[in-house]
Amino acid sequence: MSLTPEQNIEAFIELIKDYPSVFIAENRTDLEQQIDKFPEDVESLSEAISAWCLEHPDILIALTDQLDSMFGSTSEDDRGQAESNPKPQPKDYKTDIKNKMRESFRETTKEQKPSDSSK
């Protein structure tokens, strides 16, 4: 089964959301710097994500696992259910990635830092 660019992007977004610990601080900084340079159109965005992941082997492995778990063994029933969910507009993918990065990376950073009890 070949995956679509949309599936690749959606799996990357889910990876950020569900497994932010895969992204070490250097990877997060690099992704935050690169994301605005990523193209808007779906196919090019998917290719840019894949190219970025190739530079970060741990994330590439995690993305591959995420793709397998999300789309590897899709039955007819699963496909029908997934198709009923509204698909994000292509222009929304980068915004979704940025939002998930802010949410997930902030939460992971909070967990790693001791809380300031003087507040």
Protein backbone atom coordinates (compact mmCIF):
# COMPACT_ATOMS: atom_id res chain seq x y z
CA MET A 1 0.00 0.00 0.00
CA SER A 2 1.47 3.34 -0.96
CA LEU A 3 0.88 6.28 1.32
CA THR A 4 -0.39 9.64 0.20
CA PRO A 5 1.37 12.93 0.98
CA GLU A 6 -1.59 13.78 3.23
CA GLN A 7 -1.07 10.60 5.25
CA ASN A 8 2.62 11.41 5.67
CA ILE A 9 1.82 14.91 6.92
CA GLU A 10 -0.95 13.68 9.22
CA ALA A 11 1.35 11.05 10.72
CA PHE A 12 4.02 13.71 11.32
CA ILE A 13 1.46 15.91 13.09
CA GLU A 14 0.33 12.97 15.24
CA LEU A 15 3.96 12.14 16.02
CA ILE A 16 4.52 15.67 17.33
CA LYS A 17 1.30 15.49 19.33
CA ASP A 18 1.63 11.98 20.76
CA TYR A 19 5.41 11.55 21.06
CA PRO A 20 7.04 14.95 21.59
CA SER A 21 9.85 13.30 23.56
CA VAL A 22 11.20 11.90 20.26
CA PHE A 23 12.17 15.48 19.39
CA ILE A 24 15.25 16.48 21.37
CA ALA A 25 15.85 20.20 21.97
CA GLU A 26 18.16 20.56 18.94
CA ASN A 27 15.57 18.91 16.66
CA ARG A 28 12.82 21.15 17.99
CA THR A 29 14.87 24.27 17.38
CA ASP A 30 15.80 23.11 13.89
CA LEU A 31 12.19 22.24 13.03
CA GLU A 32 10.94 25.58 14.37
CA GLN A 33 13.50 27.36 12.17
CA GLN A 34 12.76 25.26 9.09
CA ILE A 35 8.96 24.98 9.19
CA ASP A 36 8.37 28.45 7.74
CA LYS A 37 10.62 27.57 4.81
CA PHE A 38 8.63 24.43 4.03
CA PRO A 39 6.41 24.76 0.95
CA GLU A 40 2.63 25.16 1.23
CA ASP A 41 1.44 22.62 -1.34
CA VAL A 42 0.75 19.17 0.07
CA GLU A 43 3.13 17.12 -2.05
CA SER A 44 6.09 19.46 -1.57
CA LEU A 45 5.35 19.81 2.14
CA SER A 46 5.30 16.03 2.52
CA GLU A 47 8.62 15.80 0.65
CA ALA A 48 10.13 18.53 2.85
CA ILE A 49 9.02 16.67 5.99
CA SER A 50 10.52 13.45 4.67
CA ALA A 51 13.79 15.20 3.77
CA TRP A 52 13.93 16.81 7.23
CA CYS A 53 13.31 13.45 8.88
CA LEU A 54 16.14 11.88 6.85
CA GLU A 55 18.48 14.30 8.64
CA HIS A 56 17.11 13.10 12.01
CA PRO A 57 17.18 9.27 11.97
CA ASP A 58 15.44 8.81 15.35
CA ILE A 59 12.51 10.88 14.15
CA LEU A 60 12.46 9.07 10.81
CA ILE A 61 12.15 5.73 12.61
CA ALA A 62 9.40 7.10 14.85
CA LEU A 63 7.56 8.53 11.83
CA THR A 64 7.79 5.21 10.03
CA ASP A 65 6.34 3.48 13.10
CA GLN A 66 3.60 6.13 13.29
CA LEU A 67 2.73 5.62 9.62
CA ASP A 68 2.58 1.86 10.15
CA SER A 69 0.32 2.19 13.16
CA MET A 70 -1.98 4.71 11.47
CA PHE A 71 -2.14 3.36 7.92
CA GLY A 72 -0.29 0.03 7.82
CA SER A 73 -3.22 -2.34 8.26
CA THR A 74 -6.28 -0.37 7.28
CA SER A 75 -9.35 -2.53 6.90
CA GLU A 76 -12.38 -1.56 4.81
CA ASP A 77 -14.26 -0.44 7.95
CA ASP A 78 -11.37 1.74 9.14
CA ARG A 79 -11.06 3.41 5.75
CA GLY A 80 -14.75 4.26 5.64
CA GLN A 81 -14.61 5.76 9.09
CA ALA A 82 -11.49 7.81 8.34
CA GLU A 83 -13.01 9.20 5.15
CA SER A 84 -15.96 10.59 7.11
CA ASN A 85 -13.62 12.84 9.13
CA PRO A 86 -13.15 16.28 7.58
CA LYS A 87 -9.77 16.63 5.92
CA PRO A 88 -7.66 19.68 6.69
CA GLN A 89 -7.20 22.11 3.85
CA PRO A 90 -3.68 21.98 2.38
CA LYS A 91 -2.94 25.51 3.60
CA ASP A 92 -3.83 24.39 7.12
CA TYR A 93 -1.19 21.65 7.38
CA LYS A 94 1.69 23.98 8.23
CA THR A 95 -0.49 25.81 10.76
CA ASP A 96 -1.47 22.45 12.29
CA ILE A 97 2.19 21.45 12.55
CA LYS A 98 3.12 24.76 14.19
CA ASN A 99 0.21 24.54 16.64
CA LYS A 100 1.08 20.96 17.64
CA MET A 101 4.72 21.95 18.06
CA ARG A 102 3.74 24.81 20.38
CA GLU A 103 1.38 22.62 22.42
CA SER A 104 3.47 19.47 22.62
CA PHE A 105 6.92 20.94 22.89
CA ARG A 106 5.82 23.42 25.55
CA GLU A 107 4.27 20.61 27.64
CA THR A 108 7.39 18.47 27.32
CA THR A 109 9.60 21.41 28.26
CA LYS A 110 7.42 22.10 31.31
CA GLU A 111 7.78 18.48 32.42
CA GLN A 112 11.56 18.72 32.24
CA LYS A 113 11.87 22.00 34.14
CA PRO A 114 11.18 22.23 37.85
CA SER A 115 8.17 24.40 38.62
CA ASP A 116 8.73 27.83 40.07
CA SER A 117 7.01 27.77 43.45
CA SER A 118 7.35 31.53 43.96
CA LYS A 119 4.52 32.21 41.45
